[in-house]
Amino acid sequence: MARTTVVELLDDLDGGPANETVTFALDGIDYEIDLSAQNAAALRTALGPYVAGARRARAERPVKADGGSVTRSTSDRERAAAIRSWAKQHGIEVNDRGRIPAQVIVAYEAKDPGRAKAVPDIPQVTFQPG
């Protein structure tokens, strides 16, 4: 029997169809967000003045001596596990594997004074199925 699997990206802000995954970094943390063309344009417009005044940072990616890639460190895995555990304890749905949504990371950091950073308020988005 033949089977076709379709992967559909959903906009992380409004739950509608997403056209692209946008990556960006802030305060040393890399983020990815799936957005519709309209929301991606809005993000780029909002960041435009900051990007125009910024300079590109050199990527400091760790590389093995043999040229292979470096796996995630234990501390990265432990941090992800701590965020997932905290989220579940506070009733926030999060997958056991894969990318942790940026809003969950920001909420975790805001609730843990030792990890809090100056992050602007992120508007809460309510998804309406349908």
N, C-alpha and C. Protein backbone atom coordinates (compact mmCIF):
# COMPACT_ATOMS: atom_id res chain seq x y z
N MET A 1 0.85 -1.16 0.00
CA MET A 1 0.00 0.00 0.00
C MET A 1 0.90 1.23 0.00
N ALA A 2 0.58 2.18 -0.84
CA ALA A 2 1.34 3.43 -0.93
C ALA A 2 0.84 4.40 0.13
N ARG A 3 1.77 5.21 0.60
CA ARG A 3 1.41 6.19 1.63
C ARG A 3 2.12 7.49 1.31
N THR A 4 1.41 8.59 1.48
CA THR A 4 1.98 9.91 1.29
C THR A 4 1.88 10.66 2.61
N THR A 5 2.99 11.24 3.05
CA THR A 5 2.99 12.04 4.26
C THR A 5 3.16 13.49 3.87
N VAL A 6 2.26 14.32 4.36
CA VAL A 6 2.30 15.74 4.05
C VAL A 6 2.65 16.50 5.33
N VAL A 7 3.67 17.33 5.26
CA VAL A 7 4.05 18.17 6.39
C VAL A 7 3.58 19.58 6.09
N GLU A 8 2.76 20.12 6.97
CA GLU A 8 2.23 21.47 6.78
C GLU A 8 2.76 22.36 7.89
N LEU A 9 3.43 23.45 7.51
CA LEU A 9 3.91 24.41 8.50
C LEU A 9 2.76 25.31 8.92
N LEU A 10 2.66 25.54 10.23
CA LEU A 10 1.65 26.44 10.77
C LEU A 10 2.34 27.65 11.37
N ASP A 11 1.77 28.81 11.16
CA ASP A 11 2.29 30.06 11.69
C ASP A 11 2.28 29.99 13.22
N ASP A 12 3.44 30.20 13.83
CA ASP A 12 3.55 30.12 15.29
C ASP A 12 2.83 31.26 16.00
N LEU A 13 2.45 32.31 15.29
CA LEU A 13 1.74 33.43 15.92
C LEU A 13 0.23 33.29 15.83
N ASP A 14 -0.27 32.97 14.64
CA ASP A 14 -1.73 32.98 14.48
C ASP A 14 -2.33 31.62 14.13
N GLY A 15 -1.51 30.60 13.98
CA GLY A 15 -2.02 29.26 13.72
C GLY A 15 -2.41 28.98 12.28
N GLY A 16 -2.33 29.98 11.41
CA GLY A 16 -2.65 29.78 9.99
C GLY A 16 -1.50 29.13 9.25
N PRO A 17 -1.64 28.97 7.93
CA PRO A 17 -0.56 28.37 7.15
C PRO A 17 0.70 29.24 7.19
N ALA A 18 1.86 28.59 7.31
CA ALA A 18 3.14 29.30 7.31
C ALA A 18 3.84 29.08 5.98
N ASN A 19 4.52 30.12 5.50
CA ASN A 19 5.24 30.04 4.24
C ASN A 19 6.74 29.79 4.43
N GLU A 20 7.26 30.13 5.61
CA GLU A 20 8.70 30.02 5.80
C GLU A 20 9.05 29.92 7.28
N THR A 21 10.26 29.44 7.52
CA THR A 21 10.82 29.42 8.87
C THR A 21 11.86 30.51 8.93
N VAL A 22 11.69 31.45 9.86
CA VAL A 22 12.61 32.57 10.02
C VAL A 22 13.51 32.26 11.22
N THR A 23 14.81 32.41 11.04
CA THR A 23 15.75 32.23 12.14
C THR A 23 16.33 33.58 12.52
N PHE A 24 16.55 33.77 13.81
CA PHE A 24 17.18 34.99 14.30
C PHE A 24 17.79 34.69 15.65
N ALA A 25 18.60 35.61 16.15
CA ALA A 25 19.25 35.43 17.45
C ALA A 25 19.09 36.70 18.26
N LEU A 26 18.97 36.54 19.57
CA LEU A 26 18.87 37.67 20.48
C LEU A 26 19.51 37.27 21.80
N ASP A 27 20.38 38.09 22.31
CA ASP A 27 21.05 37.83 23.59
C ASP A 27 21.73 36.46 23.63
N GLY A 28 22.33 36.08 22.51
CA GLY A 28 23.08 34.83 22.45
C GLY A 28 22.23 33.58 22.29
N ILE A 29 20.93 33.74 22.09
CA ILE A 29 20.04 32.60 21.91
C ILE A 29 19.52 32.60 20.49
N ASP A 30 19.66 31.46 19.80
CA ASP A 30 19.14 31.33 18.44
C ASP A 30 17.68 30.91 18.51
N TYR A 31 16.86 31.51 17.65
CA TYR A 31 15.43 31.21 17.60
C TYR A 31 15.03 30.85 16.18
N GLU A 32 13.99 30.06 16.04
CA GLU A 32 13.33 29.77 14.77
C GLU A 32 11.85 29.99 14.99
N ILE A 33 11.18 30.54 13.99
CA ILE A 33 9.74 30.72 14.07
C ILE A 33 9.15 30.51 12.69
N ASP A 34 8.08 29.73 12.62
CA ASP A 34 7.38 29.49 11.36
C ASP A 34 6.35 30.59 11.19
N LEU A 35 6.39 31.28 10.04
CA LEU A 35 5.52 32.44 9.83
C LEU A 35 4.91 32.44 8.44
N SER A 36 3.75 33.07 8.35
CA SER A 36 3.15 33.36 7.04
C SER A 36 3.98 34.47 6.40
N ALA A 37 3.79 34.68 5.11
CA ALA A 37 4.52 35.74 4.41
C ALA A 37 4.24 37.09 5.07
N GLN A 38 3.00 37.32 5.47
CA GLN A 38 2.62 38.60 6.08
C GLN A 38 3.32 38.79 7.43
N ASN A 39 3.31 37.77 8.28
CA ASN A 39 3.95 37.89 9.59
C ASN A 39 5.48 37.94 9.47
N ALA A 40 6.05 37.24 8.49
CA ALA A 40 7.50 37.32 8.27
C ALA A 40 7.89 38.72 7.84
N ALA A 41 7.08 39.33 6.96
CA ALA A 41 7.36 40.70 6.53
C ALA A 41 7.24 41.67 7.71
N ALA A 42 6.25 41.45 8.58
CA ALA A 42 6.07 42.31 9.75
C ALA A 42 7.27 42.20 10.69
N LEU A 43 7.79 40.98 10.88
CA LEU A 43 8.97 40.79 11.72
C LEU A 43 10.17 41.50 11.12
N ARG A 44 10.37 41.34 9.82
CA ARG A 44 11.50 42.00 9.16
C ARG A 44 11.38 43.52 9.22
N THR A 45 10.16 44.03 9.08
CA THR A 45 9.94 45.48 9.18
C THR A 45 10.26 45.97 10.58
N ALA A 46 9.80 45.22 11.59
CA ALA A 46 10.04 45.61 12.98
C ALA A 46 11.54 45.59 13.32
N LEU A 47 12.26 44.60 12.80
CA LEU A 47 13.69 44.48 13.09
C LEU A 47 14.56 45.33 12.18
N GLY A 48 13.99 45.84 11.09
CA GLY A 48 14.73 46.60 10.09
C GLY A 48 15.64 47.68 10.64
N PRO A 49 15.14 48.60 11.48
CA PRO A 49 16.00 49.66 12.00
C PRO A 49 17.17 49.11 12.83
N TYR A 50 16.94 48.02 13.56
CA TYR A 50 18.00 47.44 14.38
C TYR A 50 19.04 46.74 13.51
N VAL A 51 18.56 46.03 12.47
CA VAL A 51 19.48 45.36 11.55
C VAL A 51 20.32 46.39 10.81
N ALA A 52 19.68 47.50 10.40
CA ALA A 52 20.40 48.55 9.67
C ALA A 52 21.52 49.16 10.51
N GLY A 53 21.32 49.25 11.81
CA GLY A 53 22.33 49.83 12.69
C GLY A 53 23.30 48.82 13.27
N ALA A 54 23.09 47.55 12.96
CA ALA A 54 23.92 46.48 13.54
C ALA A 54 25.06 46.10 12.61
N ARG A 55 25.94 45.28 13.10
CA ARG A 55 27.00 44.69 12.28
C ARG A 55 26.85 43.17 12.38
N ARG A 56 27.28 42.48 11.36
CA ARG A 56 27.20 41.02 11.37
C ARG A 56 28.20 40.45 12.36
N ALA A 57 27.76 39.45 13.09
CA ALA A 57 28.64 38.77 14.03
C ALA A 57 29.23 37.55 13.34
N ARG A 58 30.46 37.28 13.65
CA ARG A 58 31.11 36.10 13.08
C ARG A 58 30.55 34.87 13.80
N ALA A 59 30.19 33.87 13.04
CA ALA A 59 29.66 32.63 13.62
C ALA A 59 30.76 31.93 14.39
N GLU A 60 30.49 31.60 15.61
CA GLU A 60 31.44 30.90 16.47
C GLU A 60 30.94 29.47 16.68
N ARG A 61 30.85 28.71 15.62
CA ARG A 61 30.34 27.35 15.69
C ARG A 61 31.48 26.39 16.02
N PRO A 62 31.31 25.53 17.02
CA PRO A 62 32.36 24.56 17.33
C PRO A 62 32.46 23.51 16.23
N VAL A 63 33.69 23.14 15.89
CA VAL A 63 33.94 22.14 14.85
C VAL A 63 34.98 21.16 15.37
N LYS A 64 34.76 19.89 15.09
CA LYS A 64 35.73 18.87 15.47
C LYS A 64 37.00 19.02 14.63
N ALA A 65 38.10 18.51 15.13
CA ALA A 65 39.37 18.59 14.41
C ALA A 65 39.30 17.89 13.06
N ASP A 66 38.49 16.83 12.96
CA ASP A 66 38.38 16.10 11.69
C ASP A 66 37.38 16.75 10.74
N GLY A 67 36.82 17.90 11.12
CA GLY A 67 35.89 18.61 10.26
C GLY A 67 34.44 18.20 10.44
N GLY A 68 34.18 17.19 11.26
CA GLY A 68 32.81 16.75 11.50
C GLY A 68 32.05 17.72 12.38
N SER A 69 30.78 17.50 12.48
CA SER A 69 29.96 18.39 13.30
C SER A 69 30.07 18.02 14.77
N VAL A 70 29.72 18.95 15.62
CA VAL A 70 29.76 18.74 17.05
C VAL A 70 28.34 18.50 17.54
N THR A 71 28.16 17.48 18.36
CA THR A 71 26.83 17.21 18.89
C THR A 71 26.52 18.17 20.03
N ARG A 72 25.25 18.26 20.37
CA ARG A 72 24.86 19.14 21.46
C ARG A 72 25.52 18.69 22.75
N SER A 73 25.91 19.66 23.55
CA SER A 73 26.57 19.33 24.80
C SER A 73 25.56 18.83 25.81
N THR A 74 26.08 18.18 26.84
CA THR A 74 25.22 17.68 27.91
C THR A 74 24.48 18.84 28.56
N SER A 75 25.16 19.99 28.73
CA SER A 75 24.49 21.12 29.38
C SER A 75 23.33 21.63 28.53
N ASP A 76 23.45 21.59 27.18
CA ASP A 76 22.34 21.98 26.32
C ASP A 76 21.16 21.03 26.51
N ARG A 77 21.45 19.73 26.56
CA ARG A 77 20.38 18.74 26.75
C ARG A 77 19.74 18.90 28.12
N GLU A 78 20.58 19.15 29.13
CA GLU A 78 20.05 19.33 30.48
C GLU A 78 19.18 20.58 30.57
N ARG A 79 19.58 21.64 29.89
CA ARG A 79 18.79 22.88 29.89
C ARG A 79 17.45 22.65 29.20
N ALA A 80 17.48 21.97 28.06
CA ALA A 80 16.23 21.68 27.34
C ALA A 80 15.31 20.82 28.21
N ALA A 81 15.88 19.83 28.90
CA ALA A 81 15.08 18.98 29.78
C ALA A 81 14.49 19.79 30.93
N ALA A 82 15.27 20.72 31.48
CA ALA A 82 14.77 21.56 32.57
C ALA A 82 13.64 22.46 32.09
N ILE A 83 13.77 23.01 30.89
CA ILE A 83 12.72 23.88 30.35
C ILE A 83 11.45 23.07 30.13
N ARG A 84 11.59 21.87 29.54
CA ARG A 84 10.41 21.03 29.30
C ARG A 84 9.74 20.65 30.61
N SER A 85 10.53 20.27 31.60
CA SER A 85 9.98 19.90 32.90
C SER A 85 9.23 21.07 33.53
N TRP A 86 9.86 22.25 33.52
CA TRP A 86 9.23 23.45 34.08
C TRP A 86 7.92 23.75 33.35
N ALA A 87 7.95 23.67 32.02
CA ALA A 87 6.75 23.97 31.22
C ALA A 87 5.62 23.02 31.58
N LYS A 88 5.92 21.73 31.67
CA LYS A 88 4.88 20.74 31.99
C LYS A 88 4.32 20.97 33.39
N GLN A 89 5.18 21.33 34.34
CA GLN A 89 4.72 21.60 35.71
C GLN A 89 3.80 22.81 35.77
N HIS A 90 3.95 23.71 34.79
CA HIS A 90 3.13 24.92 34.76
C HIS A 90 2.02 24.84 33.72
N GLY A 91 1.72 23.63 33.24
CA GLY A 91 0.60 23.43 32.33
C GLY A 91 0.82 23.92 30.92
N ILE A 92 2.07 24.11 30.53
CA ILE A 92 2.39 24.57 29.17
C ILE A 92 2.71 23.33 28.34
N GLU A 93 1.99 23.16 27.22
CA GLU A 93 2.23 22.01 26.36
C GLU A 93 3.54 22.19 25.59
N VAL A 94 4.37 21.18 25.66
CA VAL A 94 5.64 21.19 24.94
C VAL A 94 5.97 19.75 24.55
N ASN A 95 6.49 19.56 23.34
CA ASN A 95 6.84 18.22 22.87
C ASN A 95 8.04 17.69 23.63
N ASP A 96 8.14 16.36 23.71
CA ASP A 96 9.27 15.73 24.39
C ASP A 96 10.56 15.83 23.59
N ARG A 97 10.45 16.10 22.29
CA ARG A 97 11.63 16.22 21.43
C ARG A 97 11.44 17.40 20.50
N GLY A 98 12.53 17.83 19.89
CA GLY A 98 12.46 18.89 18.90
C GLY A 98 12.63 20.28 19.51
N ARG A 99 12.36 21.27 18.66
CA ARG A 99 12.54 22.67 19.04
C ARG A 99 11.54 23.07 20.12
N ILE A 100 12.03 23.78 21.11
CA ILE A 100 11.17 24.35 22.15
C ILE A 100 10.76 25.73 21.67
N PRO A 101 9.46 26.04 21.64
CA PRO A 101 9.02 27.36 21.17
C PRO A 101 9.68 28.49 21.96
N ALA A 102 10.00 29.57 21.26
CA ALA A 102 10.68 30.72 21.87
C ALA A 102 9.90 31.26 23.06
N GLN A 103 8.57 31.30 22.96
CA GLN A 103 7.77 31.84 24.05
C GLN A 103 7.94 31.01 25.32
N VAL A 104 8.11 29.69 25.18
CA VAL A 104 8.30 28.83 26.35
C VAL A 104 9.66 29.12 26.98
N ILE A 105 10.69 29.31 26.16
CA ILE A 105 12.03 29.62 26.68
C ILE A 105 12.01 30.96 27.41
N VAL A 106 11.39 31.97 26.82
CA VAL A 106 11.32 33.29 27.45
C VAL A 106 10.55 33.20 28.77
N ALA A 107 9.44 32.46 28.77
CA ALA A 107 8.66 32.32 30.00
C ALA A 107 9.48 31.61 31.08
N TYR A 108 10.21 30.58 30.70
CA TYR A 108 11.07 29.86 31.64
C TYR A 108 12.12 30.79 32.23
N GLU A 109 12.77 31.56 31.37
CA GLU A 109 13.82 32.46 31.85
C GLU A 109 13.25 33.55 32.75
N ALA A 110 12.06 34.02 32.46
CA ALA A 110 11.45 35.08 33.27
C ALA A 110 11.04 34.55 34.65
N LYS A 111 10.70 33.28 34.75
CA LYS A 111 10.27 32.69 36.02
C LYS A 111 11.45 32.23 36.86
N ASP A 112 12.63 32.13 36.27
CA ASP A 112 13.82 31.70 36.97
C ASP A 112 14.76 32.90 37.09
N PRO A 113 14.77 33.58 38.25
CA PRO A 113 15.56 34.81 38.38
C PRO A 113 17.03 34.64 38.03
N GLY A 114 17.61 33.47 38.24
CA GLY A 114 19.01 33.24 37.90
C GLY A 114 19.27 33.25 36.40
N ARG A 115 18.25 33.08 35.61
CA ARG A 115 18.41 33.03 34.16
C ARG A 115 17.70 34.18 33.46
N ALA A 116 17.05 35.05 34.20
CA ALA A 116 16.25 36.12 33.59
C ALA A 116 17.13 37.05 32.78
N LYS A 117 16.60 37.50 31.66
CA LYS A 117 17.29 38.45 30.80
C LYS A 117 16.33 39.57 30.49
N ALA A 118 16.87 40.69 30.08
CA ALA A 118 16.01 41.81 29.69
C ALA A 118 15.39 41.48 28.34
N VAL A 119 14.17 40.99 28.37
CA VAL A 119 13.46 40.61 27.16
C VAL A 119 12.16 41.40 27.12
N PRO A 120 11.85 42.04 26.00
CA PRO A 120 10.59 42.76 25.92
C PRO A 120 9.42 41.81 26.07
N ASP A 121 8.29 42.33 26.53
CA ASP A 121 7.10 41.51 26.67
C ASP A 121 6.72 40.92 25.32
N ILE A 122 6.40 39.65 25.32
CA ILE A 122 5.94 38.98 24.11
C ILE A 122 4.44 38.85 24.24
N PRO A 123 3.70 39.36 23.26
CA PRO A 123 2.25 39.27 23.37
C PRO A 123 1.79 37.82 23.40
N GLN A 124 0.81 37.56 24.23
CA GLN A 124 0.23 36.23 24.30
C GLN A 124 -0.69 36.05 23.11
N VAL A 125 -0.62 34.90 22.48
CA VAL A 125 -1.44 34.61 21.31
C VAL A 125 -2.37 33.46 21.66
N THR A 126 -3.64 33.64 21.40
CA THR A 126 -4.61 32.59 21.61
C THR A 126 -4.98 32.01 20.25
N PHE A 127 -4.83 30.71 20.11
CA PHE A 127 -5.16 30.07 18.84
C PHE A 127 -6.61 29.63 18.86
N GLN A 128 -7.32 29.95 17.82
CA GLN A 128 -8.71 29.55 17.65
C GLN A 128 -8.74 28.45 16.60
N PRO A 129 -8.97 27.19 16.99
CA PRO A 129 -9.02 26.14 15.98
C PRO A 129 -10.16 26.38 15.00
N GLY A 130 -9.92 25.98 13.78
CA GLY A 130 -11.02 26.10 12.83
C GLY A 130 -10.66 26.55 11.52
